[in-house]
Protein backbone atom coordinates (compact mmCIF):
# COMPACT_ATOMS: atom_id res chain seq x y z
CA MET A 1 106.88 142.26 153.22
CA THR A 2 106.08 144.56 156.15
CA ALA A 3 107.86 144.12 159.54
CA ARG A 4 104.60 142.76 160.96
CA GLU A 5 104.34 140.21 158.17
CA VAL A 6 107.92 139.07 158.84
CA VAL A 7 107.25 138.66 162.54
CA CYS A 8 103.97 136.77 161.96
CA GLU A 9 105.90 134.30 159.80
CA VAL A 10 108.56 133.91 162.59
CA ILE A 11 105.85 133.35 165.18
CA GLU A 12 104.51 130.28 163.25
CA ASP A 13 107.85 128.51 163.81
CA HIS A 14 108.59 130.02 167.24
CA HIS A 15 108.39 126.65 168.94
CA LEU A 16 111.16 125.29 166.77
CA TYR A 17 113.56 128.20 167.72
CA ARG A 18 112.90 127.67 171.43
CA ASN A 19 113.71 124.04 171.08
CA THR A 20 117.08 124.68 169.42
CA ALA A 21 118.25 127.44 171.74
CA GLY A 22 118.07 130.00 168.96
CA GLU A 23 115.44 132.59 168.03
CA VAL A 24 115.62 135.51 165.56
CA THR A 25 118.84 136.67 163.89
CA ILE A 26 118.60 139.48 161.36
CA SER A 27 121.37 138.95 158.89
CA GLY A 28 121.99 139.89 155.26
CA GLY A 29 123.16 141.51 153.23
CA GLU A 30 123.42 144.16 155.79
CA PRO A 31 120.59 144.77 158.27
CA LEU A 32 121.54 148.34 159.00
CA ALA A 33 121.13 149.25 155.34
CA GLN A 34 117.38 148.99 156.15
CA HIS A 35 117.70 150.45 159.62
CA GLU A 36 114.09 151.44 160.26
CA PHE A 37 112.72 148.14 159.02
CA CYS A 38 115.31 146.33 161.18
CA LEU A 39 114.12 148.27 164.15
CA GLU A 40 110.50 147.49 163.50
CA VAL A 41 111.21 143.75 163.25
CA LEU A 42 113.31 143.72 166.41
CA GLY A 43 110.77 145.73 168.35
CA ALA A 44 107.94 143.42 167.31
CA CYS A 45 110.03 140.31 168.13
CA LYS A 46 110.72 141.70 171.64
CA GLU A 47 107.02 142.41 172.16
CA GLU A 48 106.50 138.62 171.39
CA GLY A 49 109.11 137.73 173.97
CA MET A 50 111.73 136.44 171.52
CA ARG A 51 115.47 136.54 171.92
CA THR A 52 117.07 138.55 169.07
CA ALA A 53 120.42 139.04 167.35
CA VAL A 54 121.77 141.13 164.55
CA GLU A 55 124.75 140.43 162.31
CA THR A 56 126.36 143.55 160.93
CA ASN A 57 129.53 144.90 159.35
CA LEU A 58 129.42 147.83 161.84
CA ALA A 59 130.29 150.30 159.06
CA TRP A 60 127.50 152.64 160.13
CA PRO A 61 127.15 155.85 162.25
CA TRP A 62 127.24 154.97 165.90
CA GLU A 63 123.76 156.39 166.33
CA LEU A 64 122.28 153.64 164.13
CA VAL A 65 124.22 150.88 165.92
CA GLU A 66 123.27 152.27 169.35
CA SER A 67 119.55 152.55 168.43
CA ILE A 68 119.20 148.72 167.91
CA LEU A 69 121.08 147.71 171.13
CA PRO A 70 118.07 147.95 173.47
CA PHE A 71 116.24 145.38 171.23
CA LEU A 72 119.14 142.86 171.07
CA ASP A 73 120.27 139.93 173.21
CA LEU A 74 123.33 139.56 171.03
CA LEU A 75 125.24 141.56 168.48
CA ILE A 76 127.40 139.69 165.95
CA PHE A 77 129.85 141.72 163.87
CA ASP A 78 132.48 141.18 161.17
CA ILE A 79 135.98 142.46 161.42
CA LYS A 80 137.89 141.57 158.29
CA PHE A 81 141.12 143.45 158.90
CA LEU A 82 142.68 145.65 161.53
CA ASP A 83 145.07 147.14 158.95
CA ARG A 84 143.38 150.20 157.38
CA ALA A 85 145.19 150.02 153.98
CA ALA A 86 144.42 146.28 153.56
CA HIS A 87 140.76 146.94 154.46
CA GLU A 88 140.55 149.65 151.87
CA HIS A 89 142.29 147.51 149.22
CA TRP A 90 140.10 144.45 149.61
CA THR A 91 136.77 145.99 150.52
CA GLY A 92 136.93 149.43 148.79
CA ALA A 93 136.25 151.24 152.06
CA GLY A 94 138.11 152.22 155.20
CA ASN A 95 137.58 150.64 158.58
CA GLY A 96 137.85 153.65 160.92
CA ARG A 97 134.16 153.71 161.73
CA ILE A 98 134.09 149.96 162.16
CA LEU A 99 136.97 150.06 164.74
CA GLU A 100 135.52 153.04 166.58
CA ASN A 101 132.17 151.24 166.87
CA VAL A 102 133.90 148.11 168.17
CA ARG A 103 135.56 150.14 170.91
CA ARG A 104 132.33 151.84 171.82
CA LEU A 105 130.62 148.45 172.19
CA ALA A 106 133.00 147.60 175.04
CA SER A 107 131.07 149.81 177.46
CA THR A 108 127.56 148.74 176.44
CA GLY A 109 127.52 145.40 178.31
CA LYS A 110 125.76 143.85 175.28
CA PRO A 111 126.96 140.29 174.57
CA LEU A 112 129.07 140.20 171.43
CA VAL A 113 130.40 137.68 168.89
CA ALA A 114 133.14 138.76 166.49
CA ARG A 115 133.59 137.02 163.18
CA THR A 116 136.44 137.10 160.71
CA PRO A 117 135.64 135.52 157.27
CA LEU A 118 138.95 133.96 156.23
CA VAL A 119 140.09 134.14 152.63
CA ALA A 120 143.19 132.38 151.54
CA GLY A 121 145.96 134.80 150.59
CA VAL A 122 143.96 137.74 151.76
CA ASN A 123 143.59 137.84 155.56
CA ASP A 124 144.84 134.45 156.66
CA LEU A 125 148.14 135.74 158.14
CA PRO A 126 148.77 135.00 161.84
CA GLU A 127 149.91 138.62 162.31
CA GLU A 128 146.63 139.99 161.06
CA ILE A 129 144.51 137.62 163.10
CA GLY A 130 146.70 138.37 166.13
CA ARG A 131 146.15 142.14 165.73
CA ILE A 132 142.38 141.56 165.57
CA ALA A 133 142.56 139.41 168.67
CA ASP A 134 144.50 142.15 170.52
CA LEU A 135 141.57 144.50 169.83
CA LEU A 136 138.95 141.96 170.76
CA ARG A 137 140.72 141.10 174.02
CA LEU A 138 139.76 144.60 175.23
CA LEU A 139 136.00 143.81 174.97
CA PRO A 140 134.80 142.49 178.37
CA ASN A 141 131.47 141.56 176.75
CA LEU A 142 132.93 139.37 173.98
CA LEU A 143 131.58 135.84 174.12
CA TYR A 144 133.97 134.51 171.53
CA PHE A 145 135.81 135.15 168.31
CA GLN A 146 134.63 133.06 165.35
CA LEU A 147 136.91 132.20 162.42
CA VAL A 148 134.71 131.57 159.42
CA PRO A 149 136.25 130.01 156.20
CA TYR A 150 135.19 131.82 153.08
CA PHE A 151 132.37 129.98 151.34
CA SER A 152 131.70 130.47 147.67
CA HIS A 153 128.06 130.72 146.59
CA PRO A 154 128.11 129.20 143.02
CA GLY A 155 125.37 130.66 140.90
CA LYS A 156 124.43 133.44 143.35
CA TYR A 157 125.84 136.26 141.21
CA GLU A 158 124.50 134.80 137.99
CA SER A 159 121.00 134.48 139.55
CA ILE A 160 120.85 138.21 140.12
CA GLY A 161 122.58 139.15 136.87
CA ALA A 162 125.73 140.45 138.60
CA GLU A 163 129.40 139.82 137.76
CA ASN A 164 131.11 137.43 140.23
CA THR A 165 134.13 139.48 141.27
CA ALA A 166 135.01 136.90 144.00
CA SER A 167 135.35 133.85 141.72
CA GLY A 168 139.09 133.35 142.58
CA PHE A 169 138.66 133.40 146.35
CA CYS A 170 138.79 130.19 148.53
CA ALA A 171 139.15 129.26 152.21
CA PRO A 172 142.52 128.55 153.84
CA GLU A 173 143.38 124.98 154.48
CA PRO A 174 142.17 123.44 157.80
CA TRP A 175 145.74 123.35 159.24
CA GLN A 176 146.06 127.06 158.48
CA ILE A 177 142.79 127.84 160.23
CA ARG A 178 143.96 125.84 163.29
CA ALA A 179 147.17 127.94 163.33
CA LEU A 180 145.11 131.14 163.12
CA ALA A 181 142.86 129.98 166.02
CA ALA A 182 145.93 129.17 168.05
CA GLU A 183 147.41 132.60 167.48
CA ALA A 184 144.20 134.27 168.55
CA ARG A 185 144.03 132.06 171.67
CA ARG A 186 147.64 132.90 172.51
CA ARG A 187 146.54 136.53 172.56
CA GLY A 188 143.96 135.75 175.15
CA VAL A 189 140.74 135.47 173.15
CA SER A 190 138.22 132.63 173.17
CA VAL A 191 137.98 131.27 169.67
CA ARG A 192 135.51 129.00 167.74
CA SER A 193 136.31 127.69 164.36
CA PRO A 194 135.06 124.65 162.26
CA THR A 195 138.45 122.95 162.82
CA ASP A 196 137.58 122.67 166.43
CA VAL A 197 135.25 119.84 165.55
CA PRO A 198 136.95 116.51 164.58
CA ALA A 199 136.22 115.41 161.05
């Protein structure tokens, strides 16, 4: 699809987005892997008067991140680990660029939401979440920190003919997520997690 085709499809349901306090979020995959297309869609959405957001891993040159900011009302980003070695071990890549981009976002004034996908036995330690919270506390434009339990997508890998290398992963228990949220709040960060809602 072209960017214009995407936006035309969005426009058809625009009244629904307005009524639910949400509009257009470009997610993925990774939107910045298709940076120019992402920019085209965002620009066209803004021309139509829509609120926009992008969800990204921030593992991109600052120039790419900076270029989309004028077209955004909100930037949502993942931060999986603060520890470099752990990030390399579990993702296969370093997090230096991610952390540098997070620090640069502090001076942009752009509203931010940070997310950590929680995987049991991987990044569900209070110390790790606490270190992430210490960094996020320095962002004056952070709206909140969202703890997102890992969710398995059964059949997703098979449907595209890929090996499921994450088949052994699962989310922490609800009581663990509550403890992680409490640790982040203790460090001075506003937190949202699914355990905030009574079952």
